[in-house]
C-alpha atoms as a PDB file:
ATOM      1  CA  UNK A   1     -47.979 -34.014  26.092  1.00  0.00           C
ATOM      2  CA  UNK A   2     -49.346 -34.504  22.577  1.00  0.00           C
ATOM      3  CA  UNK A   3     -52.677 -36.093  21.681  1.00  0.00           C
ATOM      4  CA  UNK A   4     -52.861 -37.387  18.118  1.00  0.00           C
ATOM      5  CA  UNK A   5     -56.527 -38.380  17.922  1.00  0.00           C
ATOM      6  CA  UNK A   6     -59.655 -38.971  19.955  1.00  0.00           C
ATOM      7  CA  UNK A   7     -62.217 -41.686  20.516  1.00  0.00           C
ATOM      8  CA  UNK A   8     -65.761 -40.747  21.456  1.00  0.00           C
ATOM      9  CA  UNK A   9     -67.109 -43.617  23.545  1.00  0.00           C
ATOM     10  CA  UNK A  10     -70.769 -43.346  24.465  1.00  0.00           C
ATOM     11  CA  UNK A  11     -74.030 -44.998  25.394  1.00  0.00           C
ATOM     12  CA  UNK A  12     -76.627 -42.607  23.999  1.00  0.00           C
ATOM     13  CA  UNK A  13     -80.106 -44.016  23.230  1.00  0.00           C
ATOM     14  CA  UNK A  14     -81.706 -40.617  22.509  1.00  0.00           C
ATOM     15  CA  UNK A  15     -78.593 -38.938  21.077  1.00  0.00           C
ATOM     16  CA  UNK A  16     -78.157 -36.237  23.732  1.00  0.00           C
ATOM     17  CA  UNK A  17     -74.946 -37.654  25.196  1.00  0.00           C
ATOM     18  CA  UNK A  18     -73.457 -38.053  21.737  1.00  0.00           C
ATOM     19  CA  UNK A  19     -74.170 -34.373  20.941  1.00  0.00           C
ATOM     20  CA  UNK A  20     -72.342 -33.215  24.052  1.00  0.00           C
ATOM     21  CA  UNK A  21     -69.303 -35.392  23.337  1.00  0.00           C
ATOM     22  CA  UNK A  22     -69.109 -34.204  19.726  1.00  0.00           C
ATOM     23  CA  UNK A  23     -69.056 -30.585  20.903  1.00  0.00           C
ATOM     24  CA  UNK A  24     -66.331 -31.328  23.441  1.00  0.00           C
ATOM     25  CA  UNK A  25     -64.235 -32.892  20.689  1.00  0.00           C
ATOM     26  CA  UNK A  26     -64.822 -29.875  18.434  1.00  0.00           C
ATOM     27  CA  UNK A  27     -63.640 -27.549  21.193  1.00  0.00           C
ATOM     28  CA  UNK A  28     -60.555 -29.667  21.797  1.00  0.00           C
ATOM     29  CA  UNK A  29     -59.678 -29.421  18.072  1.00  0.00           C
ATOM     30  CA  UNK A  30     -58.340 -32.944  17.972  1.00  0.00           C
ATOM     31  CA  UNK A  31     -58.439 -34.838  14.704  1.00  0.00           C
ATOM     32  CA  UNK A  32     -59.205 -37.507  13.638  1.00  0.00           C
ATOM     33  CA  UNK A  33     -62.133 -38.512  15.857  1.00  0.00           C
ATOM     34  CA  UNK A  34     -63.457 -42.074  15.961  1.00  0.00           C
ATOM     35  CA  UNK A  35     -66.901 -42.960  17.303  1.00  0.00           C
ATOM     36  CA  UNK A  36     -67.270 -46.006  19.554  1.00  0.00           C
ATOM     37  CA  UNK A  37     -71.041 -46.362  19.946  1.00  0.00           C
ATOM     38  CA  UNK A  38     -71.951 -48.633  22.848  1.00  0.00           C
ATOM     39  CA  UNK A  39     -75.690 -48.133  22.351  1.00  0.00           C
ATOM     40  CA  UNK A  40     -76.679 -50.976  19.970  1.00  0.00           C
ATOM     41  CA  UNK A  41     -77.269 -54.428  21.494  1.00  0.00           C
ATOM     42  CA  UNK A  42     -74.286 -55.811  19.554  1.00  0.00           C
ATOM     43  CA  UNK A  43     -71.993 -53.458  21.503  1.00  0.00           C
ATOM     44  CA  UNK A  44     -72.171 -55.853  24.453  1.00  0.00           C
ATOM     45  CA  UNK A  45     -69.244 -57.721  22.916  1.00  0.00           C
ATOM     46  CA  UNK A  46     -67.300 -54.679  21.693  1.00  0.00           C
ATOM     47  CA  UNK A  47     -63.604 -54.492  22.523  1.00  0.00           C
ATOM     48  CA  UNK A  48     -61.231 -51.543  22.231  1.00  0.00           C
ATOM     49  CA  UNK A  49     -57.924 -51.561  20.380  1.00  0.00           C
ATOM     50  CA  UNK A  50     -54.837 -50.259  22.155  1.00  0.00           C
ATOM     51  CA  UNK A  51     -54.865 -46.474  22.416  1.00  0.00           C
ATOM     52  CA  UNK A  52     -51.597 -44.710  21.592  1.00  0.00           C
ATOM     53  CA  UNK A  53     -51.503 -40.965  22.350  1.00  0.00           C
ATOM     54  CA  UNK A  54     -55.286 -40.819  22.033  1.00  0.00           C
ATOM     55  CA  UNK A  55     -57.860 -39.053  24.158  1.00  0.00           C
ATOM     56  CA  UNK A  56     -60.963 -40.967  25.165  1.00  0.00           C
ATOM     57  CA  UNK A  57     -64.085 -38.837  25.657  1.00  0.00           C
ATOM     58  CA  UNK A  58     -66.522 -41.094  27.469  1.00  0.00           C
ATOM     59  CA  UNK A  59     -70.185 -40.211  27.966  1.00  0.00           C
ATOM     60  CA  UNK A  60     -73.160 -41.892  29.611  1.00  0.00           C
ATOM     61  CA  UNK A  61     -76.673 -40.735  30.566  1.00  0.00           C
ATOM     62  CA  UNK A  62     -77.808 -40.724  34.187  1.00  0.00           C
ATOM     63  CA  UNK A  63     -80.685 -42.973  35.261  1.00  0.00           C
ATOM     64  CA  UNK A  64     -81.869 -42.362  38.813  1.00  0.00           C
ATOM     65  CA  UNK A  65     -78.581 -40.817  39.906  1.00  0.00           C
ATOM     66  CA  UNK A  66     -76.500 -43.771  38.666  1.00  0.00           C
ATOM     67  CA  UNK A  67     -75.084 -45.171  35.439  1.00  0.00           C
ATOM     68  CA  UNK A  68     -77.477 -47.345  33.419  1.00  0.00           C
ATOM     69  CA  UNK A  69     -76.640 -50.982  34.089  1.00  0.00           C
ATOM     70  CA  UNK A  70     -76.311 -51.796  30.385  1.00  0.00           C
ATOM     71  CA  UNK A  71     -73.905 -48.901  29.858  1.00  0.00           C
ATOM     72  CA  UNK A  72     -71.886 -49.976  32.891  1.00  0.00           C
ATOM     73  CA  UNK A  73     -71.425 -53.536  31.637  1.00  0.00           C
ATOM     74  CA  UNK A  74     -70.549 -52.444  28.093  1.00  0.00           C
ATOM     75  CA  UNK A  75     -67.971 -49.957  29.349  1.00  0.00           C
ATOM     76  CA  UNK A  76     -66.552 -52.557  31.687  1.00  0.00           C
ATOM     77  CA  UNK A  77     -65.507 -54.678  28.684  1.00  0.00           C
ATOM     78  CA  UNK A  78     -63.228 -51.911  27.381  1.00  0.00           C
ATOM     79  CA  UNK A  79     -59.578 -51.384  28.300  1.00  0.00           C
ATOM     80  CA  UNK A  80     -58.007 -47.957  28.297  1.00  0.00           C
ATOM     81  CA  UNK A  81     -54.369 -49.074  28.378  1.00  0.00           C
ATOM     82  CA  UNK A  82     -53.401 -45.911  30.269  1.00  0.00           C
ATOM     83  CA  UNK A  83     -55.114 -43.470  27.895  1.00  0.00           C
ATOM     84  CA  UNK A  84     -56.258 -40.046  29.088  1.00  0.00           C
ATOM     85  CA  UNK A  85     -60.028 -39.791  29.449  1.00  0.00           C
ATOM     86  CA  UNK A  86     -62.589 -37.017  29.708  1.00  0.00           C
ATOM     87  CA  UNK A  87     -65.631 -38.414  31.489  1.00  0.00           C
ATOM     88  CA  UNK A  88     -69.121 -36.981  31.019  1.00  0.00           C
ATOM     89  CA  UNK A  89     -72.571 -37.712  32.384  1.00  0.00           C
ATOM     90  CA  UNK A  90     -75.763 -36.238  30.947  1.00  0.00           C
ATOM     91  CA  UNK A  91     -78.834 -35.911  33.145  1.00  0.00           C
ATOM     92  CA  UNK A  92     -82.400 -34.680  32.757  1.00  0.00           C
ATOM     93  CA  UNK A  93     -82.229 -31.507  34.879  1.00  0.00           C
ATOM     94  CA  UNK A  94     -82.924 -33.331  38.168  1.00  0.00           C
ATOM     95  CA  UNK A  95     -79.577 -34.433  39.661  1.00  0.00           C
ATOM     96  CA  UNK A  96     -76.630 -36.596  38.681  1.00  0.00           C
ATOM     97  CA  UNK A  97     -75.905 -37.685  42.272  1.00  0.00           C
ATOM     98  CA  UNK A  98     -73.323 -40.515  42.253  1.00  0.00           C
ATOM     99  CA  UNK A  99     -73.190 -41.116  38.488  1.00  0.00           C
ATOM    100  CA  UNK A 100     -70.063 -39.057  37.781  1.00  0.00           C
ATOM    101  CA  UNK A 101     -68.147 -40.671  40.632  1.00  0.00           C
ATOM    102  CA  UNK A 102     -69.279 -44.101  39.465  1.00  0.00           C
ATOM    103  CA  UNK A 103     -68.054 -43.365  35.933  1.00  0.00           C
ATOM    104  CA  UNK A 104     -64.761 -42.032  37.283  1.00  0.00           C
ATOM    105  CA  UNK A 105     -64.218 -45.188  39.335  1.00  0.00           C
ATOM    106  CA  UNK A 106     -65.192 -47.465  36.454  1.00  0.00           C
ATOM    107  CA  UNK A 107     -62.808 -45.749  34.035  1.00  0.00           C
ATOM    108  CA  UNK A 108     -59.925 -46.105  36.456  1.00  0.00           C
ATOM    109  CA  UNK A 109     -60.659 -49.814  36.938  1.00  0.00           C
ATOM    110  CA  UNK A 110     -60.689 -50.364  33.166  1.00  0.00           C
ATOM    111  CA  UNK A 111     -57.339 -48.643  32.643  1.00  0.00           C
ATOM    112  CA  UNK A 112     -58.232 -45.082  31.665  1.00  0.00           C
ATOM    113  CA  UNK A 113     -56.773 -42.055  33.435  1.00  0.00           C
ATOM    114  CA  UNK A 114     -59.517 -39.431  33.939  1.00  0.00           C
ATOM    115  CA  UNK A 115     -58.130 -35.922  33.413  1.00  0.00           C
ATOM    116  CA  UNK A 116     -61.387 -33.937  33.375  1.00  0.00           C
ATOM    117  CA  UNK A 117     -65.079 -34.460  33.976  1.00  0.00           C
ATOM    118  CA  UNK A 118     -68.373 -32.811  33.207  1.00  0.00           C
ATOM    119  CA  UNK A 119     -72.076 -33.083  34.003  1.00  0.00           C
ATOM    120  CA  UNK A 120     -74.309 -31.717  31.254  1.00  0.00           C
ATOM    121  CA  UNK A 121     -78.069 -31.482  30.858  1.00  0.00           C
ATOM    122  CA  UNK A 122     -80.123 -33.297  28.244  1.00  0.00           C
ATOM    123  CA  UNK A 123     -83.856 -33.514  27.637  1.00  0.00           C
ATOM    124  CA  UNK A 124     -85.297 -36.001  30.111  1.00  0.00           C
ATOM    125  CA  UNK A 125     -86.420 -39.361  28.736  1.00  0.00           C
ATOM    126  CA  UNK A 126     -89.915 -38.755  30.125  1.00  0.00           C
ATOM    127  CA  UNK A 127     -90.185 -35.247  28.685  1.00  0.00           C
ATOM    128  CA  UNK A 128     -93.138 -34.695  26.381  1.00  0.00           C
ATOM    129  CA  UNK A 129     -95.618 -32.090  25.207  1.00  0.00           C
ATOM    130  CA  UNK A 130     -97.615 -32.164  28.450  1.00  0.00           C
ATOM    131  CA  UNK A 131     -94.595 -32.714  30.695  1.00  0.00           C
ATOM    132  CA  UNK A 132     -91.654 -30.707  29.303  1.00  0.00           C
ATOM    133  CA  UNK A 133     -88.515 -31.535  31.305  1.00  0.00           C
ATOM    134  CA  UNK A 134     -85.414 -29.758  29.969  1.00  0.00           C
ATOM    135  CA  UNK A 135     -86.918 -29.769  26.447  1.00  0.00           C
ATOM    136  CA  UNK A 136     -84.489 -29.283  23.594  1.00  0.00           C
ATOM    137  CA  UNK A 137     -81.384 -29.684  25.706  1.00  0.00           C
ATOM    138  CA  UNK A 138     -78.516 -29.745  25.163  1.00  0.00           C
ATOM    139  CA  UNK A 139     -79.256 -26.435  23.485  1.00  0.00           C
ATOM    140  CA  UNK A 140     -76.976 -23.944  21.745  1.00  0.00           C
ATOM    141  CA  UNK A 141     -75.678 -22.558  25.024  1.00  0.00           C
ATOM    142  CA  UNK A 142     -75.008 -26.036  26.415  1.00  0.00           C
ATOM    143  CA  UNK A 143     -73.037 -27.005  23.332  1.00  0.00           C
ATOM    144  CA  UNK A 144     -71.086 -23.758  23.437  1.00  0.00           C
ATOM    145  CA  UNK A 145     -70.065 -24.563  27.002  1.00  0.00           C
ATOM    146  CA  UNK A 146     -69.148 -28.087  25.927  1.00  0.00           C
ATOM    147  CA  UNK A 147     -66.809 -26.649  23.275  1.00  0.00           C
ATOM    148  CA  UNK A 148     -65.234 -24.321  25.843  1.00  0.00           C
ATOM    149  CA  UNK A 149     -64.754 -27.295  28.142  1.00  0.00           C
ATOM    150  CA  UNK A 150     -63.057 -29.203  25.327  1.00  0.00           C
ATOM    151  CA  UNK A 151     -60.636 -26.351  24.728  1.00  0.00           C
ATOM    152  CA  UNK A 152     -59.802 -26.139  28.435  1.00  0.00           C
ATOM    153  CA  UNK A 153     -59.144 -29.857  28.566  1.00  0.00           C
ATOM    154  CA  UNK A 154     -56.912 -29.693  25.492  1.00  0.00           C
ATOM    155  CA  UNK A 155     -54.873 -26.842  27.017  1.00  0.00           C
ATOM    156  CA  UNK A 156     -54.477 -28.812  30.238  1.00  0.00           C
ATOM    157  CA  UNK A 157     -53.205 -31.905  28.434  1.00  0.00           C
ATOM    158  CA  UNK A 158     -50.755 -29.905  26.334  1.00  0.00           C
ATOM    159  CA  UNK A 159     -49.271 -28.474  29.529  1.00  0.00           C
ATOM    160  CA  UNK A 160     -48.604 -31.917  31.013  1.00  0.00           C
ATOM    161  CA  UNK A 161     -45.453 -33.962  30.536  1.00  0.00           C
ATOM    162  CA  UNK A 162     -46.789 -37.301  31.788  1.00  0.00           C
ATOM    163  CA  UNK A 163     -50.284 -38.396  32.734  1.00  0.00           C
ATOM    164  CA  UNK A 164     -48.913 -40.106  35.806  1.00  0.00           C
ATOM    165  CA  UNK A 165     -47.833 -36.717  37.190  1.00  0.00           C
ATOM    166  CA  UNK A 166     -51.401 -35.482  37.376  1.00  0.00           C
ATOM    167  CA  UNK A 167     -53.175 -35.567  40.767  1.00  0.00           C
ATOM    168  CA  UNK A 168     -56.206 -37.839  40.919  1.00  0.00           C
ATOM    169  CA  UNK A 169     -59.318 -36.174  39.522  1.00  0.00           C
ATOM    170  CA  UNK A 170     -61.902 -35.330  42.176  1.00  0.00           C
ATOM    171  CA  UNK A 171     -65.585 -35.342  41.288  1.00  0.00           C
ATOM    172  CA  UNK A 172     -68.782 -35.127  43.361  1.00  0.00           C
ATOM    173  CA  UNK A 173     -70.533 -38.222  44.605  1.00  0.00           C
ATOM    174  CA  UNK A 174     -70.730 -40.640  47.478  1.00  0.00           C
ATOM    175  CA  UNK A 175     -69.529 -44.170  48.021  1.00  0.00           C
ATOM    176  CA  UNK A 176     -71.261 -46.531  48.550  1.00  0.00           C
ATOM    177  CA  UNK A 177     -73.294 -45.256  45.634  1.00  0.00           C
ATOM    178  CA  UNK A 178     -76.989 -44.620  46.134  1.00  0.00           C
ATOM    179  CA  UNK A 179     -79.183 -47.681  45.759  1.00  0.00           C
ATOM    180  CA  UNK A 180     -80.370 -48.057  42.190  1.00  0.00           C
ATOM    181  CA  UNK A 181     -84.145 -48.348  42.369  1.00  0.00           C
ATOM    182  CA  UNK A 182     -85.988 -49.220  39.188  1.00  0.00           C
ATOM    183  CA  UNK A 183     -89.596 -49.881  38.335  1.00  0.00           C
ATOM    184  CA  UNK A 184     -90.077 -53.278  36.730  1.00  0.00           C
ATOM    185  CA  UNK A 185     -92.198 -54.504  33.839  1.00  0.00           C
ATOM    186  CA  UNK A 186     -92.925 -51.066  32.420  1.00  0.00           C
ATOM    187  CA  UNK A 187     -92.373 -50.064  28.818  1.00  0.00           C
ATOM    188  CA  UNK A 188     -93.746 -47.766  26.137  1.00  0.00           C
ATOM    189  CA  UNK A 189     -96.592 -49.202  24.086  1.00  0.00           C
ATOM    190  CA  UNK A 190     -97.585 -48.852  20.453  1.00  0.00           C
ATOM    191  CA  UNK A 191    -100.813 -47.276  19.255  1.00  0.00           C
ATOM    192  CA  UNK A 192    -101.361 -49.713  16.427  1.00  0.00           C
ATOM    193  CA  UNK A 193    -103.750 -47.417  14.525  1.00  0.00           C
ATOM    194  CA  UNK A 194    -100.958 -44.860  14.147  1.00  0.00           C
ATOM    195  CA  UNK A 195     -98.103 -47.333  13.608  1.00  0.00           C
ATOM    196  CA  UNK A 196     -96.579 -47.544  10.104  1.00  0.00           C
ATOM    197  CA  UNK A 197     -94.566 -50.707  10.858  1.00  0.00           C
ATOM    198  CA  UNK A 198     -91.394 -48.893   9.794  1.00  0.00           C
ATOM    199  CA  UNK A 199     -89.434 -50.832  12.470  1.00  0.00           C
ATOM    200  CA  UNK A 200     -87.477 -47.749  13.505  1.00  0.00           C
ATOM    201  CA  UNK A 201     -88.464 -48.341  17.129  1.00  0.00           C
ATOM    202  CA  UNK A 202     -86.844 -51.769  17.057  1.00  0.00           C
ATOM    203  CA  UNK A 203     -83.700 -50.475  15.367  1.00  0.00           C
ATOM    204  CA  UNK A 204     -83.041 -47.781  17.995  1.00  0.00           C
ATOM    205  CA  UNK A 205     -83.767 -49.934  21.050  1.00  0.00           C
ATOM    206  CA  UNK A 206     -80.446 -50.488  22.886  1.00  0.00           C
ATOM    207  CA  UNK A 207     -81.574 -53.753  24.488  1.00  0.00           C
ATOM    208  CA  UNK A 208     -83.508 -55.372  21.600  1.00  0.00           C
ATOM    209  CA  UNK A 209     -86.751 -55.308  23.563  1.00  0.00           C
ATOM    210  CA  UNK A 210     -89.005 -54.522  20.572  1.00  0.00           C
ATOM    211  CA  UNK A 211     -90.257 -56.889  17.875  1.00  0.00           C
ATOM    212  CA  UNK A 212     -92.231 -55.746  14.838  1.00  0.00           C
ATOM    213  CA  UNK A 213     -94.364 -58.287  12.999  1.00  0.00           C
ATOM    214  CA  UNK A 214     -98.101 -58.014  12.405  1.00  0.00           C
ATOM    215  CA  UNK A 215     -98.138 -56.038  15.635  1.00  0.00           C
ATOM    216  CA  UNK A 216     -95.439 -54.393  17.729  1.00  0.00           C
ATOM    217  CA  UNK A 217     -94.514 -56.188  20.929  1.00  0.00           C
ATOM    218  CA  UNK A 218     -92.234 -54.951  23.691  1.00  0.00           C
ATOM    219  CA  UNK A 219     -90.580 -57.095  26.349  1.00  0.00           C
ATOM    220  CA  UNK A 220     -91.276 -54.929  29.389  1.00  0.00           C
ATOM    221  CA  UNK A 221     -88.940 -57.049  31.507  1.00  0.00           C
ATOM    222  CA  UNK A 222     -86.005 -56.092  29.267  1.00  0.00           C
ATOM    223  CA  UNK A 223     -86.947 -52.467  28.482  1.00  0.00           C
ATOM    224  CA  UNK A 224     -84.771 -49.854  30.239  1.00  0.00           C
ATOM    225  CA  UNK A 225     -87.269 -47.006  29.636  1.00  0.00           C
ATOM    226  CA  UNK A 226     -84.768 -44.841  27.759  1.00  0.00           C
ATOM    227  CA  UNK A 227     -87.685 -43.801  25.494  1.00  0.00           C
ATOM    228  CA  UNK A 228     -85.530 -43.820  22.368  1.00  0.00           C
ATOM    229  CA  UNK A 229     -88.432 -45.526  20.588  1.00  0.00           C
ATOM    230  CA  UNK A 230     -90.848 -42.802  21.718  1.00  0.00           C
ATOM    231  CA  UNK A 231     -88.622 -39.908  20.656  1.00  0.00           C
ATOM    232  CA  UNK A 232     -87.704 -41.464  17.297  1.00  0.00           C
ATOM    233  CA  UNK A 233     -91.113 -42.728  16.135  1.00  0.00           C
ATOM    234  CA  UNK A 234     -92.023 -40.649  13.052  1.00  0.00           C
ATOM    235  CA  UNK A 235     -95.742 -41.345  13.514  1.00  0.00           C
ATOM    236  CA  UNK A 236     -95.900 -40.637  17.233  1.00  0.00           C
ATOM    237  CA  UNK A 237     -97.226 -44.147  17.721  1.00  0.00           C
ATOM    238  CA  UNK A 238     -94.946 -45.073  20.621  1.00  0.00           C
ATOM    239  CA  UNK A 239     -96.187 -43.698  23.937  1.00  0.00           C
ATOM    240  CA  UNK A 240     -95.541 -44.210  27.635  1.00  0.00           C
ATOM    241  CA  UNK A 241     -98.959 -44.776  29.183  1.00  0.00           C
ATOM    242  CA  UNK A 242     -98.090 -46.387  32.519  1.00  0.00           C
ATOM    243  CA  UNK A 243     -99.560 -44.206  35.291  1.00  0.00           C
ATOM    244  CA  UNK A 244     -96.467 -44.622  37.454  1.00  0.00           C
ATOM    245  CA  UNK A 245     -94.233 -43.083  34.789  1.00  0.00           C
ATOM    246  CA  UNK A 246     -96.751 -40.347  34.088  1.00  0.00           C
ATOM    247  CA  UNK A 247     -96.791 -39.502  37.800  1.00  0.00           C
ATOM    248  CA  UNK A 248     -92.989 -39.308  37.854  1.00  0.00           C
ATOM    249  CA  UNK A 249     -93.021 -37.052  34.778  1.00  0.00           C
ATOM    250  CA  UNK A 250     -95.576 -34.751  36.400  1.00  0.00           C
ATOM    251  CA  UNK A 251     -93.420 -34.497  39.537  1.00  0.00           C
ATOM    252  CA  UNK A 252     -90.295 -33.775  37.517  1.00  0.00           C
ATOM    253  CA  UNK A 253     -92.092 -31.077  35.536  1.00  0.00           C
ATOM    254  CA  UNK A 254     -93.216 -29.434  38.782  1.00  0.00           C
ATOM    255  CA  UNK A 255     -89.969 -29.778  40.762  1.00  0.00           C
ATOM    256  CA  UNK A 256     -87.227 -29.640  38.116  1.00  0.00           C
ATOM    257  CA  UNK A 257     -88.292 -26.812  35.826  1.00  0.00           C
ATOM    258  CA  UNK A 258     -85.583 -24.345  36.926  1.00  0.00           C
ATOM    259  CA  UNK A 259     -82.745 -24.408  34.410  1.00  0.00           C
ATOM    260  CA  UNK A 260     -79.561 -26.111  35.603  1.00  0.00           C
ATOM    261  CA  UNK A 261     -76.214 -25.440  33.981  1.00  0.00           C
ATOM    262  CA  UNK A 262     -73.325 -27.747  33.102  1.00  0.00           C
ATOM    263  CA  UNK A 263     -70.707 -28.389  35.769  1.00  0.00           C
ATOM    264  CA  UNK A 264     -67.108 -29.198  34.849  1.00  0.00           C
ATOM    265  CA  UNK A 265     -64.076 -30.426  36.767  1.00  0.00           C
ATOM    266  CA  UNK A 266     -60.573 -29.955  35.333  1.00  0.00           C
END
C-alpha cells in the first residue's frame, strides 16, 4: 500500500504534541506534510477535505487521563473517509490512563482507520522552576524514538495491501472511561507590573479566555489550564497562583519524578 502524503492533525497548546508528531512524520519519510492545527479557537469550525492515499498522524495531550474536551469536540468535526491514522497522546509523566483508547475510539467513529498508536511524554503544564515535572520533554531521546516509530509505521503500511485487511488496533485503556474531574474557575493570572501588554498570551490561548486592554483579564470559567500563556509569556508575567494547582504540582513533582519512556503499539 502506498502513502502519497501526510496530514499532521493536532491540538497542542504548548507545542509538545506538535513536536512529537513532526518527528514521527520525519521518521516515516512521507512528503509532502500538511499541518492541520486544531489549537486556535477558530479551529472549532474546521473541516477536513477528502483524504486520498494520505496518512493522518493525530495527536492530543492528556488532561487527567482523558482527552481535553475542546480537542475532542474539534476532532469530532473531522471525517477521515477511510484514511489510515497514527494516533498519539502526550502526557506529563504521570499516566495516560484511558486517553489513548478514547482517541482510538473517536478516530474510528469519525472514519479513520488507526494502524498504530503511541503515548509520549511532554513537559507537564504545571511544570515550573520550583516544581519541575518532565522538564524539557520531549527531549532528544524522545524525538529519536518518535522517528523510529514513524519508520516502523511506514514499513508496516508498505507491507499491507488493503487497510481493511488489518486486525483492529488494540491499545490500553478501560471503557467506560474514567470520570473526567476538573477544577473550576481557576486560571493563571497576570502580574501587571511585569506585563508588557504584548498580547502574546491572548494569541496562544486555545479557548480565547484572555483579553488584553489596559489590564489583562482571564475568564476563569473558560480557561482549560493548559498554561500555554504561562509558558509563552516573554516577561514571565503570567503565573498560576491558585493554591490548589500549586498543591497538585507539588504532588506531581514528588510522585512522578521517575522518567517514563514512550510506549508504542503497531
